[in-house]
């Protein structure tokens, strides 16, 4: 499912226009992104938790040359599925 299909599903499920559903989805994504940018987490009970994880610097290999390269530390987004989502999938 891509974003436009998700907007269609939200619009039909909530009985609202596609434009309103698209604005609502964009607002949710922007809010989650901004919260993660600040270093906080977003918990949706029954669905899951979005959080920021710190990945340490490490040494990697260039696959073409085999030369060692330094990969810098980074902050990456993470998602942990909640019980409700896990049960719905299984």
N, C-alpha and C. Protein backbone atom coordinates (compact mmCIF):
# COMPACT_ATOMS: atom_id res chain seq x y z
N UNK A 1 0.86 -1.18 0.00
CA UNK A 1 0.00 0.00 0.00
C UNK A 1 0.89 1.23 0.00
N UNK A 2 0.63 2.14 -0.90
CA UNK A 2 1.38 3.38 -0.93
C UNK A 2 0.56 4.51 -0.29
N UNK A 3 1.11 5.71 -0.28
CA UNK A 3 0.47 6.82 0.42
C UNK A 3 -0.91 7.16 -0.16
N UNK A 4 -1.04 7.17 -1.48
CA UNK A 4 -2.34 7.52 -2.08
C UNK A 4 -3.39 6.46 -1.77
N UNK A 5 -3.00 5.20 -1.74
CA UNK A 5 -3.94 4.14 -1.36
C UNK A 5 -4.33 4.26 0.11
N UNK A 6 -3.39 4.66 0.95
CA UNK A 6 -3.69 4.87 2.37
C UNK A 6 -4.65 6.04 2.55
N UNK A 7 -4.46 7.11 1.79
CA UNK A 7 -5.37 8.26 1.84
C UNK A 7 -6.77 7.83 1.42
N UNK A 8 -6.88 7.02 0.36
CA UNK A 8 -8.17 6.51 -0.09
C UNK A 8 -8.85 5.69 1.01
N UNK A 9 -8.07 4.83 1.68
CA UNK A 9 -8.63 3.99 2.74
C UNK A 9 -9.09 4.83 3.94
N UNK A 10 -8.32 5.85 4.30
CA UNK A 10 -8.70 6.73 5.40
C UNK A 10 -9.96 7.49 5.04
N UNK A 11 -10.04 8.00 3.81
CA UNK A 11 -11.20 8.76 3.37
C UNK A 11 -12.47 7.91 3.41
N UNK A 12 -12.38 6.70 2.92
CA UNK A 12 -13.58 5.85 2.91
C UNK A 12 -13.92 5.36 4.31
N UNK A 13 -12.91 5.06 5.13
CA UNK A 13 -13.17 4.57 6.49
C UNK A 13 -13.72 5.63 7.42
N UNK A 14 -13.30 6.88 7.22
CA UNK A 14 -13.74 7.97 8.10
C UNK A 14 -14.85 8.79 7.47
N UNK A 15 -15.25 8.44 6.25
CA UNK A 15 -16.31 9.15 5.52
C UNK A 15 -16.00 10.65 5.41
N UNK A 16 -14.78 10.93 4.97
CA UNK A 16 -14.35 12.31 4.73
C UNK A 16 -13.78 12.39 3.31
N UNK A 17 -13.52 13.60 2.85
CA UNK A 17 -12.97 13.76 1.50
C UNK A 17 -11.52 13.30 1.46
N UNK A 18 -11.06 12.99 0.26
CA UNK A 18 -9.66 12.58 0.09
C UNK A 18 -8.71 13.71 0.46
N UNK A 19 -9.09 14.94 0.17
CA UNK A 19 -8.24 16.08 0.51
C UNK A 19 -8.08 16.20 2.03
N UNK A 20 -9.19 16.03 2.75
CA UNK A 20 -9.12 16.09 4.22
C UNK A 20 -8.30 14.94 4.77
N UNK A 21 -8.46 13.75 4.20
CA UNK A 21 -7.70 12.59 4.65
C UNK A 21 -6.22 12.80 4.39
N UNK A 22 -5.87 13.38 3.23
CA UNK A 22 -4.47 13.64 2.91
C UNK A 22 -3.86 14.65 3.88
N UNK A 23 -4.62 15.71 4.21
CA UNK A 23 -4.12 16.71 5.17
C UNK A 23 -3.94 16.08 6.55
N UNK A 24 -4.87 15.23 6.95
CA UNK A 24 -4.78 14.57 8.26
C UNK A 24 -3.56 13.65 8.31
N UNK A 25 -3.36 12.87 7.26
CA UNK A 25 -2.21 11.97 7.22
C UNK A 25 -0.90 12.75 7.23
N UNK A 26 -0.83 13.82 6.44
CA UNK A 26 0.37 14.66 6.43
C UNK A 26 0.63 15.27 7.80
N UNK A 27 -0.42 15.68 8.50
CA UNK A 27 -0.27 16.26 9.84
C UNK A 27 0.27 15.23 10.82
N UNK A 28 -0.21 13.99 10.73
CA UNK A 28 0.27 12.93 11.62
C UNK A 28 1.74 12.64 11.35
N UNK A 29 2.10 12.51 10.07
CA UNK A 29 3.49 12.21 9.71
C UNK A 29 4.41 13.36 10.14
N UNK A 30 3.99 14.61 9.91
CA UNK A 30 4.80 15.76 10.30
C UNK A 30 4.99 15.84 11.81
N UNK A 31 3.93 15.54 12.55
CA UNK A 31 4.00 15.58 14.02
C UNK A 31 4.94 14.50 14.55
N UNK A 32 4.84 13.29 14.01
CA UNK A 32 5.73 12.21 14.44
C UNK A 32 7.17 12.56 14.11
N UNK A 33 7.40 13.08 12.91
CA UNK A 33 8.75 13.46 12.49
C UNK A 33 9.34 14.54 13.39
N UNK A 34 8.56 15.57 13.68
CA UNK A 34 9.04 16.66 14.53
C UNK A 34 9.33 16.17 15.96
N UNK A 35 8.48 15.30 16.48
CA UNK A 35 8.69 14.76 17.82
C UNK A 35 9.98 13.94 17.87
N UNK A 36 10.21 13.11 16.85
CA UNK A 36 11.45 12.32 16.80
C UNK A 36 12.66 13.21 16.63
N UNK A 37 12.54 14.28 15.86
CA UNK A 37 13.65 15.22 15.67
C UNK A 37 14.08 15.82 17.00
N UNK A 38 13.12 16.04 17.90
CA UNK A 38 13.43 16.59 19.22
C UNK A 38 14.03 15.55 20.15
N UNK A 39 13.99 14.28 19.76
CA UNK A 39 14.54 13.21 20.58
C UNK A 39 13.52 12.52 21.46
N UNK A 40 12.25 12.90 21.34
CA UNK A 40 11.19 12.26 22.12
C UNK A 40 10.66 11.04 21.37
N UNK A 41 9.77 10.32 22.01
CA UNK A 41 9.16 9.17 21.35
C UNK A 41 7.65 9.37 21.25
N UNK A 42 7.04 8.66 20.31
CA UNK A 42 5.60 8.72 20.09
C UNK A 42 5.05 7.32 20.34
N UNK A 43 4.13 7.20 21.29
CA UNK A 43 3.54 5.91 21.62
C UNK A 43 2.07 5.92 21.26
N UNK A 44 1.67 5.00 20.41
CA UNK A 44 0.27 4.80 20.05
C UNK A 44 -0.14 3.46 20.65
N UNK A 45 -0.87 3.51 21.75
CA UNK A 45 -1.22 2.31 22.50
C UNK A 45 -1.92 1.32 21.59
N UNK A 46 -1.44 0.09 21.60
CA UNK A 46 -2.01 -0.97 20.79
C UNK A 46 -1.41 -1.04 19.40
N UNK A 47 -0.76 0.03 18.95
CA UNK A 47 -0.14 0.04 17.62
C UNK A 47 1.37 -0.11 17.71
N UNK A 48 2.02 0.81 18.44
CA UNK A 48 3.46 0.72 18.57
C UNK A 48 4.08 2.02 19.04
N UNK A 49 5.40 2.01 19.09
CA UNK A 49 6.16 3.15 19.58
C UNK A 49 7.23 3.53 18.57
N UNK A 50 7.23 4.81 18.18
CA UNK A 50 8.28 5.36 17.34
C UNK A 50 9.30 6.00 18.27
N UNK A 51 10.57 5.73 18.04
CA UNK A 51 11.60 6.29 18.91
C UNK A 51 12.86 6.58 18.09
N UNK A 52 13.82 7.25 18.73
CA UNK A 52 15.10 7.56 18.10
C UNK A 52 16.16 6.72 18.78
N UNK A 53 16.98 6.07 17.98
CA UNK A 53 18.05 5.24 18.51
C UNK A 53 19.39 5.83 18.07
N UNK A 54 20.40 5.69 18.93
CA UNK A 54 21.74 6.15 18.60
C UNK A 54 22.54 4.97 18.08
N UNK A 55 23.15 5.15 16.91
CA UNK A 55 23.99 4.11 16.33
C UNK A 55 25.43 4.60 16.44
N UNK A 56 26.28 3.79 17.01
CA UNK A 56 27.68 4.16 17.26
C UNK A 56 28.47 4.20 15.95
N UNK A 57 29.55 4.96 15.98
CA UNK A 57 30.47 4.99 14.84
C UNK A 57 31.12 3.61 14.72
N UNK A 58 31.43 3.25 13.48
CA UNK A 58 32.03 1.93 13.28
C UNK A 58 32.89 1.95 12.02
N UNK A 59 33.67 0.90 11.87
CA UNK A 59 34.50 0.74 10.69
C UNK A 59 33.82 -0.22 9.74
N UNK A 60 33.70 0.19 8.47
CA UNK A 60 33.09 -0.67 7.47
C UNK A 60 34.07 -0.93 6.34
N UNK A 61 33.61 -1.60 5.31
CA UNK A 61 34.44 -1.91 4.16
C UNK A 61 33.77 -1.42 2.89
N UNK A 62 34.55 -0.82 2.00
CA UNK A 62 34.07 -0.45 0.69
C UNK A 62 33.95 -1.75 -0.11
N UNK A 63 32.74 -2.13 -0.57
CA UNK A 63 32.59 -3.41 -1.24
C UNK A 63 33.34 -3.50 -2.58
N UNK A 64 33.63 -2.37 -3.21
CA UNK A 64 34.35 -2.41 -4.49
C UNK A 64 35.85 -2.59 -4.31
N UNK A 65 36.39 -1.87 -3.33
CA UNK A 65 37.85 -1.90 -3.17
C UNK A 65 38.31 -2.71 -1.97
N UNK A 66 37.41 -2.95 -1.02
CA UNK A 66 37.80 -3.66 0.19
C UNK A 66 38.50 -2.77 1.21
N UNK A 67 38.64 -1.48 0.91
CA UNK A 67 39.31 -0.56 1.81
C UNK A 67 38.43 -0.27 3.03
N UNK A 68 39.07 -0.10 4.18
CA UNK A 68 38.35 0.23 5.40
C UNK A 68 37.88 1.68 5.35
N UNK A 69 36.65 1.93 5.78
CA UNK A 69 36.13 3.29 5.84
C UNK A 69 35.48 3.49 7.19
N UNK A 70 35.48 4.74 7.64
CA UNK A 70 34.84 5.08 8.91
C UNK A 70 33.40 5.47 8.63
N UNK A 71 32.47 4.84 9.31
CA UNK A 71 31.05 5.18 9.22
C UNK A 71 30.72 5.97 10.48
N UNK A 72 30.26 7.22 10.32
CA UNK A 72 30.05 8.07 11.49
C UNK A 72 28.85 7.63 12.32
N UNK A 73 28.82 8.07 13.56
CA UNK A 73 27.68 7.81 14.43
C UNK A 73 26.45 8.51 13.86
N UNK A 74 25.27 7.96 14.13
CA UNK A 74 24.04 8.54 13.58
C UNK A 74 22.88 8.28 14.54
N UNK A 75 21.89 9.13 14.43
CA UNK A 75 20.62 8.92 15.12
C UNK A 75 19.65 8.38 14.09
N UNK A 76 19.02 7.25 14.38
CA UNK A 76 18.11 6.64 13.41
C UNK A 76 16.74 6.44 14.04
N UNK A 77 15.67 6.55 13.23
CA UNK A 77 14.34 6.29 13.75
C UNK A 77 14.11 4.79 13.91
N UNK A 78 13.35 4.45 14.92
CA UNK A 78 13.02 3.05 15.16
C UNK A 78 11.54 2.91 15.43
N UNK A 79 11.02 1.70 15.24
CA UNK A 79 9.62 1.41 15.52
C UNK A 79 9.54 0.06 16.20
N UNK A 80 8.78 0.01 17.29
CA UNK A 80 8.55 -1.25 17.97
C UNK A 80 7.05 -1.48 17.97
N UNK A 81 6.62 -2.57 17.36
CA UNK A 81 5.20 -2.87 17.25
C UNK A 81 4.61 -3.18 18.62
N UNK A 82 3.38 -2.71 18.83
CA UNK A 82 2.67 -2.98 20.06
C UNK A 82 1.96 -4.31 20.02
N UNK A 83 1.43 -4.73 21.15
CA UNK A 83 0.77 -6.03 21.25
C UNK A 83 -0.42 -6.15 20.32
N UNK A 84 -1.22 -5.11 20.21
CA UNK A 84 -2.39 -5.14 19.35
C UNK A 84 -2.02 -5.37 17.89
N UNK A 85 -0.97 -4.70 17.42
CA UNK A 85 -0.52 -4.86 16.05
C UNK A 85 0.05 -6.25 15.83
N UNK A 86 0.85 -6.72 16.79
CA UNK A 86 1.43 -8.06 16.67
C UNK A 86 0.32 -9.12 16.61
N UNK A 87 -0.68 -8.98 17.47
CA UNK A 87 -1.78 -9.95 17.49
C UNK A 87 -2.59 -9.90 16.20
N UNK A 88 -2.78 -8.72 15.62
CA UNK A 88 -3.56 -8.58 14.40
C UNK A 88 -2.84 -9.21 13.21
N UNK A 89 -1.51 -9.17 13.22
CA UNK A 89 -0.74 -9.73 12.11
C UNK A 89 -0.65 -11.24 12.22
N UNK A 90 -0.58 -11.75 13.42
CA UNK A 90 -0.43 -13.22 13.61
C UNK A 90 -1.73 -13.90 13.59
